[in-house]
Amino acid sequence: DLPPTFDFEGGGTKAARDKLLISFVEHAEQCRQMGTRLHPVVFCHTLYDTHAAKLQLHTDFPDRFLNSSVVTQIELGPLSESKIKKRVKQIVTKVGVGGSRVSDKIIASIAAEAGGDIRS
């Protein structure tokens, strides 16, 4: 049985993580072959991280996992500055910032510095 969550940054060796991921896909493939209904499992991997160099899937996940028929990769690229500006404006309006108004110039600066990452 797999744990409900697995923190890739929480310790353990790459070999141990790879072994866990490979056993996951092998089990899921066997279930699929037997016609057993599978519930989706989501692995979130950040490729565009503001705190590190660009990460690569093939260095963090074993090929057996990435190339499995039970794994679907969905790529979500960086957000445009206009989308980040819009969201920052929504947050400022909803939450407020010390009761004062945040200028469009400051919001534009925040969006530019975010580099496409809304978490920034």
PDB file of N, CA and C in Angstrom:
ATOM      1  N   ASP A   1       0.835  -1.192   0.000  1.00  0.00           N
ATOM      2  CA  ASP A   1       0.000   0.000   0.000  1.00  0.00           C
ATOM      3  C   ASP A   1       0.874   1.247   0.000  1.00  0.00           C
ATOM      4  N   LEU A   2       0.477   2.205  -0.826  1.00  0.00           N
ATOM      5  CA  LEU A   2       1.211   3.462  -0.897  1.00  0.00           C
ATOM      6  C   LEU A   2       0.693   4.433   0.149  1.00  0.00           C
ATOM      7  N   PRO A   3       1.555   5.271   0.671  1.00  0.00           N
ATOM      8  CA  PRO A   3       1.080   6.308   1.600  1.00  0.00           C
ATOM      9  C   PRO A   3       0.244   7.326   0.837  1.00  0.00           C
ATOM     10  N   PRO A   4      -0.662   8.034   1.524  1.00  0.00           N
ATOM     11  CA  PRO A   4      -1.507   9.009   0.827  1.00  0.00           C
ATOM     12  C   PRO A   4      -0.726  10.168   0.223  1.00  0.00           C
ATOM     13  N   THR A   5       0.396  10.528   0.813  1.00  0.00           N
ATOM     14  CA  THR A   5       1.243  11.580   0.237  1.00  0.00           C
ATOM     15  C   THR A   5       2.692  11.153   0.353  1.00  0.00           C
ATOM     16  N   PHE A   6       3.510  11.679  -0.524  1.00  0.00           N
ATOM     17  CA  PHE A   6       4.937  11.381  -0.496  1.00  0.00           C
ATOM     18  C   PHE A   6       5.660  12.665  -0.831  1.00  0.00           C
ATOM     19  N   ASP A   7       6.433  13.167   0.086  1.00  0.00           N
ATOM     20  CA  ASP A   7       7.146  14.427  -0.086  1.00  0.00           C
ATOM     21  C   ASP A   7       8.523  14.147  -0.670  1.00  0.00           C
ATOM     22  N   PHE A   8       8.720  14.521  -1.937  1.00  0.00           N
ATOM     23  CA  PHE A   8       9.984  14.254  -2.604  1.00  0.00           C
ATOM     24  C   PHE A   8      11.124  15.046  -1.988  1.00  0.00           C
ATOM     25  N   GLU A   9      10.832  16.155  -1.343  1.00  0.00           N
ATOM     26  CA  GLU A   9      11.890  16.956  -0.742  1.00  0.00           C
ATOM     27  C   GLU A   9      12.080  16.602   0.726  1.00  0.00           C
ATOM     28  N   GLY A  10      11.289  15.671   1.229  1.00  0.00           N
ATOM     29  CA  GLY A  10      11.307  15.353   2.648  1.00  0.00           C
ATOM     30  C   GLY A  10      12.350  14.354   3.076  1.00  0.00           C
ATOM     31  N   GLY A  11      13.230  13.974   2.218  1.00  0.00           N
ATOM     32  CA  GLY A  11      14.274  13.044   2.605  1.00  0.00           C
ATOM     33  C   GLY A  11      14.176  11.742   1.823  1.00  0.00           C
ATOM     34  N   GLY A  12      15.061  10.835   2.145  1.00  0.00           N
ATOM     35  CA  GLY A  12      15.121   9.571   1.434  1.00  0.00           C
ATOM     36  C   GLY A  12      15.996   9.707   0.202  1.00  0.00           C
ATOM     37  N   THR A  13      16.399   8.578  -0.318  1.00  0.00           N
ATOM     38  CA  THR A  13      17.282   8.592  -1.472  1.00  0.00           C
ATOM     39  C   THR A  13      16.480   8.606  -2.764  1.00  0.00           C
ATOM     40  N   LYS A  14      17.118   9.022  -3.832  1.00  0.00           N
ATOM     41  CA  LYS A  14      16.469   8.997  -5.143  1.00  0.00           C
ATOM     42  C   LYS A  14      16.122   7.564  -5.516  1.00  0.00           C
ATOM     43  N   ALA A  15      16.983   6.637  -5.192  1.00  0.00           N
ATOM     44  CA  ALA A  15      16.726   5.221  -5.492  1.00  0.00           C
ATOM     45  C   ALA A  15      15.459   4.731  -4.788  1.00  0.00           C
ATOM     46  N   ALA A  16      15.255   5.144  -3.533  1.00  0.00           N
ATOM     47  CA  ALA A  16      14.053   4.746  -2.789  1.00  0.00           C
ATOM     48  C   ALA A  16      12.803   5.363  -3.416  1.00  0.00           C
ATOM     49  N   ARG A  17      12.905   6.629  -3.820  1.00  0.00           N
ATOM     50  CA  ARG A  17      11.750   7.275  -4.477  1.00  0.00           C
ATOM     51  C   ARG A  17      11.445   6.596  -5.803  1.00  0.00           C
ATOM     52  N   ASP A  18      12.492   6.323  -6.584  1.00  0.00           N
ATOM     53  CA  ASP A  18      12.294   5.658  -7.875  1.00  0.00           C
ATOM     54  C   ASP A  18      11.629   4.301  -7.692  1.00  0.00           C
ATOM     55  N   LYS A  19      12.085   3.551  -6.698  1.00  0.00           N
ATOM     56  CA  LYS A  19      11.512   2.224  -6.433  1.00  0.00           C
ATOM     57  C   LYS A  19      10.026   2.349  -6.092  1.00  0.00           C
ATOM     58  N   LEU A  20       9.675   3.324  -5.272  1.00  0.00           N
ATOM     59  CA  LEU A  20       8.275   3.543  -4.905  1.00  0.00           C
ATOM     60  C   LEU A  20       7.438   3.900  -6.131  1.00  0.00           C
ATOM     61  N   LEU A  21       7.945   4.805  -6.964  1.00  0.00           N
ATOM     62  CA  LEU A  21       7.198   5.221  -8.148  1.00  0.00           C
ATOM     63  C   LEU A  21       7.033   4.079  -9.150  1.00  0.00           C
ATOM     64  N   ILE A  22       8.078   3.287  -9.327  1.00  0.00           N
ATOM     65  CA  ILE A  22       7.993   2.153 -10.252  1.00  0.00           C
ATOM     66  C   ILE A  22       6.998   1.121  -9.725  1.00  0.00           C
ATOM     67  N   SER A  23       7.016   0.859  -8.430  1.00  0.00           N
ATOM     68  CA  SER A  23       6.042  -0.096  -7.877  1.00  0.00           C
ATOM     69  C   SER A  23       4.623   0.444  -8.022  1.00  0.00           C
ATOM     70  N   PHE A  24       4.465   1.744  -7.915  1.00  0.00           N
ATOM     71  CA  PHE A  24       3.147   2.363  -8.110  1.00  0.00           C
ATOM     72  C   PHE A  24       2.623   2.099  -9.514  1.00  0.00           C
ATOM     73  N   VAL A  25       3.441   2.379 -10.542  1.00  0.00           N
ATOM     74  CA  VAL A  25       2.948   2.197 -11.913  1.00  0.00           C
ATOM     75  C   VAL A  25       2.761   0.719 -12.240  1.00  0.00           C
ATOM     76  N   GLU A  26       3.607  -0.142 -11.727  1.00  0.00           N
ATOM     77  CA  GLU A  26       3.429  -1.576 -11.982  1.00  0.00           C
ATOM     78  C   GLU A  26       2.118  -2.066 -11.388  1.00  0.00           C
ATOM     79  N   HIS A  27       1.809  -1.644 -10.177  1.00  0.00           N
ATOM     80  CA  HIS A  27       0.549  -2.018  -9.533  1.00  0.00           C
ATOM     81  C   HIS A  27      -0.643  -1.445 -10.317  1.00  0.00           C
ATOM     82  N   ALA A  28      -0.556  -0.195 -10.710  1.00  0.00           N
ATOM     83  CA  ALA A  28      -1.647   0.440 -11.459  1.00  0.00           C
ATOM     84  C   ALA A  28      -1.855  -0.241 -12.812  1.00  0.00           C
ATOM     85  N   GLU A  29      -0.765  -0.622 -13.468  1.00  0.00           N
ATOM     86  CA  GLU A  29      -0.881  -1.315 -14.761  1.00  0.00           C
ATOM     87  C   GLU A  29      -1.535  -2.688 -14.595  1.00  0.00           C
ATOM     88  N   GLN A  30      -1.186  -3.391 -13.514  1.00  0.00           N
ATOM     89  CA  GLN A  30      -1.812  -4.688 -13.241  1.00  0.00           C
ATOM     90  C   GLN A  30      -3.305  -4.521 -12.975  1.00  0.00           C
ATOM     91  N   CYS A  31      -3.662  -3.515 -12.202  1.00  0.00           N
ATOM     92  CA  CYS A  31      -5.073  -3.247 -11.924  1.00  0.00           C
ATOM     93  C   CYS A  31      -5.822  -2.943 -13.211  1.00  0.00           C
ATOM     94  N   ARG A  32      -5.217  -2.149 -14.062  1.00  0.00           N
ATOM     95  CA  ARG A  32      -5.852  -1.797 -15.337  1.00  0.00           C
ATOM     96  C   ARG A  32      -6.082  -3.051 -16.181  1.00  0.00           C
ATOM     97  N   GLN A  33      -5.085  -3.935 -16.236  1.00  0.00           N
ATOM     98  CA  GLN A  33      -5.202  -5.169 -17.021  1.00  0.00           C
ATOM     99  C   GLN A  33      -6.315  -6.069 -16.488  1.00  0.00           C
ATOM    100  N   MET A  34      -6.544  -6.047 -15.182  1.00  0.00           N
ATOM    101  CA  MET A  34      -7.594  -6.866 -14.579  1.00  0.00           C
ATOM    102  C   MET A  34      -8.955  -6.180 -14.644  1.00  0.00           C
ATOM    103  N   GLY A  35      -8.989  -4.949 -15.159  1.00  0.00           N
ATOM    104  CA  GLY A  35     -10.246  -4.218 -15.258  1.00  0.00           C
ATOM    105  C   GLY A  35     -10.685  -3.561 -13.965  1.00  0.00           C
ATOM    106  N   THR A  36      -9.764  -3.455 -13.020  1.00  0.00           N
ATOM    107  CA  THR A  36     -10.065  -2.817 -11.739  1.00  0.00           C
ATOM    108  C   THR A  36     -10.107  -1.305 -11.926  1.00  0.00           C
ATOM    109  N   ARG A  37     -11.142  -0.692 -11.376  1.00  0.00           N
ATOM    110  CA  ARG A  37     -11.267   0.762 -11.479  1.00  0.00           C
ATOM    111  C   ARG A  37     -10.187   1.430 -10.633  1.00  0.00           C
ATOM    112  N   LEU A  38      -9.514   2.392 -11.241  1.00  0.00           N
ATOM    113  CA  LEU A  38      -8.451   3.122 -10.555  1.00  0.00           C
ATOM    114  C   LEU A  38      -8.887   4.548 -10.269  1.00  0.00           C
ATOM    115  N   HIS A  39      -8.555   5.017  -9.099  1.00  0.00           N
ATOM    116  CA  HIS A  39      -8.803   6.412  -8.761  1.00  0.00           C
ATOM    117  C   HIS A  39      -7.572   7.215  -9.143  1.00  0.00           C
ATOM    118  N   PRO A  40      -7.760   8.427  -9.631  1.00  0.00           N
ATOM    119  CA  PRO A  40      -6.597   9.222 -10.034  1.00  0.00           C
ATOM    120  C   PRO A  40      -5.694   9.563  -8.849  1.00  0.00           C
ATOM    121  N   VAL A  41      -4.423   9.565  -9.121  1.00  0.00           N
ATOM    122  CA  VAL A  41      -3.415  10.007  -8.157  1.00  0.00           C
ATOM    123  C   VAL A  41      -2.661  11.138  -8.839  1.00  0.00           C
ATOM    124  N   VAL A  42      -2.473  12.235  -8.139  1.00  0.00           N
ATOM    125  CA  VAL A  42      -1.842  13.407  -8.737  1.00  0.00           C
ATOM    126  C   VAL A  42      -0.457  13.614  -8.136  1.00  0.00           C
ATOM    127  N   PHE A  43       0.526  13.724  -9.017  1.00  0.00           N
ATOM    128  CA  PHE A  43       1.883  14.085  -8.620  1.00  0.00           C
ATOM    129  C   PHE A  43       2.124  15.480  -9.191  1.00  0.00           C
ATOM    130  N   CYS A  44       2.364  16.440  -8.350  1.00  0.00           N
ATOM    131  CA  CYS A  44       2.641  17.804  -8.813  1.00  0.00           C
ATOM    132  C   CYS A  44       4.151  18.017  -8.828  1.00  0.00           C
ATOM    133  N   HIS A  45       4.641  18.446  -9.961  1.00  0.00           N
ATOM    134  CA  HIS A  45       6.075  18.696 -10.100  1.00  0.00           C
ATOM    135  C   HIS A  45       6.236  20.084 -10.708  1.00  0.00           C
ATOM    136  N   THR A  46       6.915  20.945 -10.022  1.00  0.00           N
ATOM    137  CA  THR A  46       7.098  22.311 -10.484  1.00  0.00           C
ATOM    138  C   THR A  46       8.316  22.398 -11.388  1.00  0.00           C
ATOM    139  N   LEU A  47       8.086  22.776 -12.645  1.00  0.00           N
ATOM    140  CA  LEU A  47       9.200  22.961 -13.574  1.00  0.00           C
ATOM    141  C   LEU A  47       9.718  24.389 -13.535  1.00  0.00           C
ATOM    142  N   TYR A  48       8.833  25.322 -13.224  1.00  0.00           N
ATOM    143  CA  TYR A  48       9.203  26.736 -13.208  1.00  0.00           C
ATOM    144  C   TYR A  48       9.196  27.188 -11.763  1.00  0.00           C
ATOM    145  N   ASP A  49      10.316  27.026 -11.110  1.00  0.00           N
ATOM    146  CA  ASP A  49      10.397  27.327  -9.684  1.00  0.00           C
ATOM    147  C   ASP A  49      11.209  28.599  -9.495  1.00  0.00           C
ATOM    148  N   THR A  50      10.687  29.493  -8.687  1.00  0.00           N
ATOM    149  CA  THR A  50      11.368  30.764  -8.452  1.00  0.00           C
ATOM    150  C   THR A  50      12.545  30.611  -7.496  1.00  0.00           C
ATOM    151  N   HIS A  51      12.633  29.470  -6.828  1.00  0.00           N
ATOM    152  CA  HIS A  51      13.667  29.292  -5.812  1.00  0.00           C
ATOM    153  C   HIS A  51      14.801  28.372  -6.250  1.00  0.00           C
ATOM    154  N   ALA A  52      14.754  27.888  -7.470  1.00  0.00           N
ATOM    155  CA  ALA A  52      15.788  26.962  -7.935  1.00  0.00           C
ATOM    156  C   ALA A  52      15.901  27.048  -9.448  1.00  0.00           C
ATOM    157  N   ALA A  53      16.946  26.448  -9.957  1.00  0.00           N
ATOM    158  CA  ALA A  53      17.103  26.366 -11.412  1.00  0.00           C
ATOM    159  C   ALA A  53      15.965  25.522 -11.974  1.00  0.00           C
ATOM    160  N   LYS A  54      15.714  25.669 -13.267  1.00  0.00           N
ATOM    161  CA  LYS A  54      14.645  24.897 -13.888  1.00  0.00           C
ATOM    162  C   LYS A  54      14.877  23.402 -13.646  1.00  0.00           C
ATOM    163  N   LEU A  55      13.842  22.749 -13.191  1.00  0.00           N
ATOM    164  CA  LEU A  55      13.915  21.329 -12.895  1.00  0.00           C
ATOM    165  C   LEU A  55      13.534  20.524 -14.127  1.00  0.00           C
ATOM    166  N   GLN A  56      13.993  19.309 -14.206  1.00  0.00           N
ATOM    167  CA  GLN A  56      13.702  18.446 -15.338  1.00  0.00           C
ATOM    168  C   GLN A  56      13.002  17.180 -14.852  1.00  0.00           C
ATOM    169  N   LEU A  57      11.918  16.812 -15.523  1.00  0.00           N
ATOM    170  CA  LEU A  57      11.191  15.612 -15.135  1.00  0.00           C
ATOM    171  C   LEU A  57      12.074  14.370 -15.179  1.00  0.00           C
ATOM    172  N   HIS A  58      12.873  14.238 -16.235  1.00  0.00           N
ATOM    173  CA  HIS A  58      13.652  13.002 -16.394  1.00  0.00           C
ATOM    174  C   HIS A  58      14.746  12.826 -15.338  1.00  0.00           C
ATOM    175  N   THR A  59      15.088  13.885 -14.622  1.00  0.00           N
ATOM    176  CA  THR A  59      16.073  13.729 -13.550  1.00  0.00           C
ATOM    177  C   THR A  59      15.398  13.447 -12.205  1.00  0.00           C
ATOM    178  N   ASP A  60      14.125  13.783 -12.081  1.00  0.00           N
ATOM    179  CA  ASP A  60      13.412  13.591 -10.820  1.00  0.00           C
ATOM    180  C   ASP A  60      12.510  12.368 -10.804  1.00  0.00           C
ATOM    181  N   PHE A  61      12.146  11.865 -11.972  1.00  0.00           N
ATOM    182  CA  PHE A  61      11.278  10.702 -12.069  1.00  0.00           C
ATOM    183  C   PHE A  61      11.940   9.655 -12.958  1.00  0.00           C
ATOM    184  N   PRO A  62      11.809   8.362 -12.610  1.00  0.00           N
ATOM    185  CA  PRO A  62      12.399   7.317 -13.449  1.00  0.00           C
ATOM    186  C   PRO A  62      11.649   7.197 -14.783  1.00  0.00           C
ATOM    187  N   ASP A  63      12.374   6.805 -15.835  1.00  0.00           N
ATOM    188  CA  ASP A  63      11.754   6.639 -17.156  1.00  0.00           C
ATOM    189  C   ASP A  63      10.577   5.671 -17.100  1.00  0.00           C
ATOM    190  N   ARG A  64      10.704   4.595 -16.329  1.00  0.00           N
ATOM    191  CA  ARG A  64       9.630   3.598 -16.219  1.00  0.00           C
ATOM    192  C   ARG A  64       8.343   4.245 -15.732  1.00  0.00           C
ATOM    193  N   PHE A  65       8.448   5.224 -14.858  1.00  0.00           N
ATOM    194  CA  PHE A  65       7.282   5.951 -14.355  1.00  0.00           C
ATOM    195  C   PHE A  65       6.742   6.900 -15.426  1.00  0.00           C
ATOM    196  N   LEU A  66       7.617   7.717 -15.996  1.00  0.00           N
ATOM    197  CA  LEU A  66       7.186   8.728 -16.972  1.00  0.00           C
ATOM    198  C   LEU A  66       6.583   8.120 -18.231  1.00  0.00           C
ATOM    199  N   ASN A  67       7.069   6.943 -18.636  1.00  0.00           N
ATOM    200  CA  ASN A  67       6.618   6.324 -19.883  1.00  0.00           C
ATOM    201  C   ASN A  67       5.508   5.301 -19.682  1.00  0.00           C
ATOM    202  N   SER A  68       4.991   5.202 -18.484  1.00  0.00           N
ATOM    203  CA  SER A  68       3.938   4.234 -18.202  1.00  0.00           C
ATOM    204  C   SER A  68       2.625   4.652 -18.857  1.00  0.00           C
ATOM    205  N   SER A  69       1.836   3.655 -19.230  1.00  0.00           N
ATOM    206  CA  SER A  69       0.524   3.935 -19.835  1.00  0.00           C
ATOM    207  C   SER A  69      -0.468   4.484 -18.818  1.00  0.00           C
ATOM    208  N   VAL A  70      -0.149   4.395 -17.534  1.00  0.00           N
ATOM    209  CA  VAL A  70      -1.065   4.898 -16.508  1.00  0.00           C
ATOM    210  C   VAL A  70      -0.709   6.313 -16.038  1.00  0.00           C
ATOM    211  N   VAL A  71       0.319   6.892 -16.641  1.00  0.00           N
ATOM    212  CA  VAL A  71       0.748   8.245 -16.269  1.00  0.00           C
ATOM    213  C   VAL A  71       0.440   9.207 -17.408  1.00  0.00           C
ATOM    214  N   THR A  72      -0.228  10.289 -17.079  1.00  0.00           N
ATOM    215  CA  THR A  72      -0.510  11.346 -18.043  1.00  0.00           C
ATOM    216  C   THR A  72       0.183  12.613 -17.555  1.00  0.00           C
ATOM    217  N   GLN A  73       0.985  13.201 -18.421  1.00  0.00           N
ATOM    218  CA  GLN A  73       1.690  14.426 -18.055  1.00  0.00           C
ATOM    219  C   GLN A  73       0.917  15.629 -18.601  1.00  0.00           C
ATOM    220  N   ILE A  74       0.709  16.601 -17.760  1.00  0.00           N
ATOM    221  CA  ILE A  74       0.042  17.837 -18.147  1.00  0.00           C
ATOM    222  C   ILE A  74       0.994  18.976 -17.830  1.00  0.00           C
ATOM    223  N   GLU A  75       1.341  19.747 -18.834  1.00  0.00           N
ATOM    224  CA  GLU A  75       2.268  20.852 -18.627  1.00  0.00           C
ATOM    225  C   GLU A  75       1.501  22.160 -18.518  1.00  0.00           C
ATOM    226  N   LEU A  76       1.739  22.856 -17.449  1.00  0.00           N
ATOM    227  CA  LEU A  76       1.157  24.177 -17.241  1.00  0.00           C
ATOM    228  C   LEU A  76       2.305  25.176 -17.229  1.00  0.00           C
ATOM    229  N   GLY A  77       2.382  25.975 -18.254  1.00  0.00           N
ATOM    230  CA  GLY A  77       3.471  26.932 -18.383  1.00  0.00           C
ATOM    231  C   GLY A  77       3.280  28.152 -17.501  1.00  0.00           C
ATOM    232  N   PRO A  78       4.251  29.041 -17.544  1.00  0.00           N
ATOM    233  CA  PRO A  78       4.174  30.253 -16.741  1.00  0.00           C
ATOM    234  C   PRO A  78       3.007  31.140 -17.182  1.00  0.00           C
ATOM    235  N   LEU A  79       2.494  31.915 -16.242  1.00  0.00           N
ATOM    236  CA  LEU A  79       1.405  32.854 -16.535  1.00  0.00           C
ATOM    237  C   LEU A  79       1.957  34.125 -17.167  1.00  0.00           C
ATOM    238  N   SER A  80       1.134  34.751 -17.981  1.00  0.00           N
ATOM    239  CA  SER A  80       1.526  36.034 -18.575  1.00  0.00           C
ATOM    240  C   SER A  80       1.475  37.120 -17.498  1.00  0.00           C
ATOM    241  N   GLU A  81       2.206  38.204 -17.739  1.00  0.00           N
ATOM    242  CA  GLU A  81       2.192  39.329 -16.788  1.00  0.00           C
ATOM    243  C   GLU A  81       0.784  39.888 -16.634  1.00  0.00           C
ATOM    244  N   SER A  82       0.012  39.929 -17.724  1.00  0.00           N
ATOM    245  CA  SER A  82      -1.345  40.493 -17.629  1.00  0.00           C
ATOM    246  C   SER A  82      -2.231  39.640 -16.726  1.00  0.00           C
ATOM    247  N   LYS A  83      -2.073  38.313 -16.780  1.00  0.00           N
ATOM    248  CA  LYS A  83      -2.874  37.441 -15.900  1.00  0.00           C
ATOM    249  C   LYS A  83      -2.446  37.607 -14.446  1.00  0.00           C
ATOM    250  N   ILE A  84      -1.151  37.756 -14.223  1.00  0.00           N
ATOM    251  CA  ILE A  84      -0.677  37.957 -12.849  1.00  0.00           C
ATOM    252  C   ILE A  84      -1.173  39.297 -12.319  1.00  0.00           C
ATOM    253  N   LYS A  85      -1.112  40.344 -13.148  1.00  0.00           N
ATOM    254  CA  LYS A  85      -1.614  41.663 -12.716  1.00  0.00           C
ATOM    255  C   LYS A  85      -3.080  41.580 -12.323  1.00  0.00           C
ATOM    256  N   LYS A  86      -3.863  40.916 -13.149  1.00  0.00           N
ATOM    257  CA  LYS A  86      -5.296  40.786 -12.883  1.00  0.00           C
ATOM    258  C   LYS A  86      -5.533  40.087 -11.547  1.00  0.00           C
ATOM    259  N   ARG A  87      -4.797  39.008 -11.304  1.00  0.00           N
ATOM    260  CA  ARG A  87      -4.983  38.264 -10.053  1.00  0.00           C
ATOM    261  C   ARG A  87      -4.507  39.063  -8.847  1.00  0.00           C
ATOM    262  N   VAL A  88      -3.390  39.764  -8.974  1.00  0.00           N
ATOM    263  CA  VAL A  88      -2.898  40.586  -7.865  1.00  0.00           C
ATOM    264  C   VAL A  88      -3.922  41.671  -7.526  1.00  0.00           C
ATOM    265  N   LYS A  89      -4.514  42.280  -8.550  1.00  0.00           N
ATOM    266  CA  LYS A  89      -5.551  43.292  -8.312  1.00  0.00           C
ATOM    267  C   LYS A  89      -6.730  42.690  -7.556  1.00  0.00           C
ATOM    268  N   GLN A  90      -7.133  41.475  -7.934  1.00  0.00           N
ATOM    269  CA  GLN A  90      -8.236  40.810  -7.236  1.00  0.00           C
ATOM    270  C   GLN A  90      -7.890  40.577  -5.770  1.00  0.00           C
ATOM    271  N   ILE A  91      -6.662  40.129  -5.525  1.00  0.00           N
ATOM    272  CA  ILE A  91      -6.233  39.861  -4.149  1.00  0.00           C
ATOM    273  C   ILE A  91      -6.193  41.148  -3.337  1.00  0.00           C
ATOM    274  N   VAL A  92      -5.631  42.204  -3.920  1.00  0.00           N
ATOM    275  CA  VAL A  92      -5.544  43.493  -3.221  1.00  0.00           C
ATOM    276  C   VAL A  92      -6.941  44.010  -2.889  1.00  0.00           C
ATOM    277  N   THR A  93      -7.863  43.867  -3.825  1.00  0.00           N
ATOM    278  CA  THR A  93      -9.234  44.329  -3.608  1.00  0.00           C
ATOM    279  C   THR A  93      -9.916  43.519  -2.513  1.00  0.00           C
ATOM    280  N   LYS A  94      -9.757  42.198  -2.567  1.00  0.00           N
ATOM    281  CA  LYS A  94     -10.423  41.329  -1.600  1.00  0.00           C
ATOM    282  C   LYS A  94      -9.819  41.432  -0.204  1.00  0.00           C
ATOM    283  N   VAL A  95      -8.495  41.375  -0.127  1.00  0.00           N
ATOM    284  CA  VAL A  95      -7.818  41.341   1.158  1.00  0.00           C
ATOM    285  C   VAL A  95      -7.542  42.745   1.683  1.00  0.00           C
ATOM    286  N   GLY A  96      -7.245  43.644   0.781  1.00  0.00           N
ATOM    287  CA  GLY A  96      -6.860  44.990   1.193  1.00  0.00           C
ATOM    288  C   GLY A  96      -5.423  44.987   1.688  1.00  0.00           C
ATOM    289  N   VAL A  97      -4.785  46.101   1.566  1.00  0.00           N
ATOM    290  CA  VAL A  97      -3.389  46.211   2.002  1.00  0.00           C
ATOM    291  C   VAL A  97      -3.291  47.435   2.900  1.00  0.00           C
ATOM    292  N   GLY A  98      -3.455  47.230   4.187  1.00  0.00           N
ATOM    293  CA  GLY A  98      -3.343  48.311   5.161  1.00  0.00           C
ATOM    294  C   GLY A  98      -4.318  49.456   4.925  1.00  0.00           C
ATOM    295  N   GLY A  99      -5.426  49.164   4.278  1.00  0.00           N
ATOM    296  CA  GLY A  99      -6.424  50.196   4.034  1.00  0.00           C
ATOM    297  C   GLY A  99      -6.042  51.157   2.938  1.00  0.00           C
ATOM    298  N   SER A 100      -4.855  51.007   2.351  1.00  0.00           N
ATOM    299  CA  SER A 100      -4.444  51.921   1.299  1.00  0.00           C
ATOM    300  C   SER A 100      -4.572  51.256  -0.060  1.00  0.00           C
ATOM    301  N   ARG A 101      -4.552  52.080  -1.081  1.00  0.00           N
ATOM    302  CA  ARG A 101      -4.680  51.595  -2.453  1.00  0.00           C
ATOM    303  C   ARG A 101      -3.289  51.285  -2.996  1.00  0.00           C
ATOM    304  N   VAL A 102      -3.163  50.156  -3.686  1.00  0.00           N
ATOM    305  CA  VAL A 102      -1.899  49.786  -4.315  1.00  0.00           C
ATOM    306  C   VAL A 102      -1.948  50.288  -5.754  1.00  0.00           C
ATOM    307  N   SER A 103      -0.944  51.036  -6.153  1.00  0.00           N
ATOM    308  CA  SER A 103      -0.950  51.640  -7.488  1.00  0.00           C
ATOM    309  C   SER A 103      -0.758  50.586  -8.577  1.00  0.00           C
ATOM    310  N   ASP A 104      -1.229  50.937  -9.777  1.00  0.00           N
ATOM    311  CA  ASP A 104      -1.046  50.062 -10.940  1.00  0.00           C
ATOM    312  C   ASP A 104       0.443  49.856 -11.228  1.00  0.00           C
ATOM    313  N   LYS A 105       1.257  50.868 -10.941  1.00  0.00           N
ATOM    314  CA  LYS A 105       2.697  50.767 -11.163  1.00  0.00           C
ATOM    315  C   LYS A 105       3.308  49.683 -10.265  1.00  0.00           C
ATOM    316  N   ILE A 106       2.887  49.642  -9.026  1.00  0.00           N
ATOM    317  CA  ILE A 106       3.402  48.624  -8.092  1.00  0.00           C
ATOM    318  C   ILE A 106       2.923  47.236  -8.515  1.00  0.00           C
ATOM    319  N   ILE A 107       1.658  47.130  -8.916  1.00  0.00           N
ATOM    320  CA  ILE A 107       1.123  45.846  -9.374  1.00  0.00           C
ATOM    321  C   ILE A 107       1.875  45.371 -10.615  1.00  0.00           C
ATOM    322  N   ALA A 108       2.172  46.300 -11.540  1.00  0.00           N
ATOM    323  CA  ALA A 108       2.930  45.946 -12.744  1.00  0.00           C
ATOM    324  C   ALA A 108       4.331  45.463 -12.375  1.00  0.00           C
ATOM    325  N   SER A 109       4.932  46.090 -11.393  1.00  0.00           N
ATOM    326  CA  SER A 109       6.265  45.696 -10.942  1.00  0.00           C
ATOM    327  C   SER A 109       6.233  44.292 -10.327  1.00  0.00           C
ATOM    328  N   ILE A 110       5.211  44.024  -9.529  1.00  0.00           N
ATOM    329  CA  ILE A 110       5.054  42.694  -8.921  1.00  0.00           C
ATOM    330  C   ILE A 110       4.918  41.635 -10.017  1.00  0.00           C
ATOM    331  N   ALA A 111       4.090  41.933 -11.020  1.00  0.00           N
ATOM    332  CA  ALA A 111       3.860  40.981 -12.108  1.00  0.00           C
ATOM    333  C   ALA A 111       5.138  40.733 -12.909  1.00  0.00           C
ATOM    334  N   ALA A 112       5.900  41.771 -13.141  1.00  0.00           N
ATOM    335  CA  ALA A 112       7.146  41.630 -13.907  1.00  0.00           C
ATOM    336  C   ALA A 112       8.167  40.791 -13.131  1.00  0.00           C
ATOM    337  N   GLU A 113       8.260  41.032 -11.832  1.00  0.00           N
ATOM    338  CA  GLU A 113       9.218  40.309 -10.999  1.00  0.00           C
ATOM    339  C   GLU A 113       8.809  38.859 -10.764  1.00  0.00           C
ATOM    340  N   ALA A 114       7.537  38.533 -10.921  1.00  0.00           N
ATOM    341  CA  ALA A 114       7.053  37.171 -10.660  1.00  0.00           C
ATOM    342  C   ALA A 114       7.598  36.163 -11.670  1.00  0.00           C
ATOM    343  N   GLY A 115       7.963  36.622 -12.845  1.00  0.00           N
ATOM    344  CA  GLY A 115       8.520  35.720 -13.840  1.00  0.00           C
ATOM    345  C   GLY A 115       7.568  34.604 -14.249  1.00  0.00           C
ATOM    346  N   GLY A 116       6.271  34.886 -14.250  1.00  0.00           N
ATOM    347  CA  GLY A 116       5.288  33.897 -14.660  1.00  0.00           C
ATOM    348  C   GLY A 116       4.806  32.987 -13.545  1.00  0.00           C
ATOM    349  N   ASP A 117       5.315  33.196 -12.321  1.00  0.00           N
ATOM    350  CA  ASP A 117       4.977  32.325 -11.185  1.00  0.00           C
ATOM    351  C   ASP A 117       4.081  33.090 -10.222  1.00  0.00           C
ATOM    352  N   ILE A 118       2.804  32.737 -10.176  1.00  0.00           N
ATOM    353  CA  ILE A 118       1.836  33.449  -9.332  1.00  0.00           C
ATOM    354  C   ILE A 118       2.160  33.291  -7.846  1.00  0.00           C
ATOM    355  N   ARG A 119       2.943  32.280  -7.484  1.00  0.00           N
ATOM    356  CA  ARG A 119       3.284  32.067  -6.070  1.00  0.00           C
ATOM    357  C   ARG A 119       4.309  33.071  -5.572  1.00  0.00           C
ATOM    358  N   SER A 120       4.954  33.784  -6.470  1.00  0.00           N
ATOM    359  CA  SER A 120       6.061  34.666  -6.064  1.00  0.00           C
ATOM    360  C   SER A 120       5.657  35.719  -5.074  1.00  0.00           C
TER     361      SER A 120
END
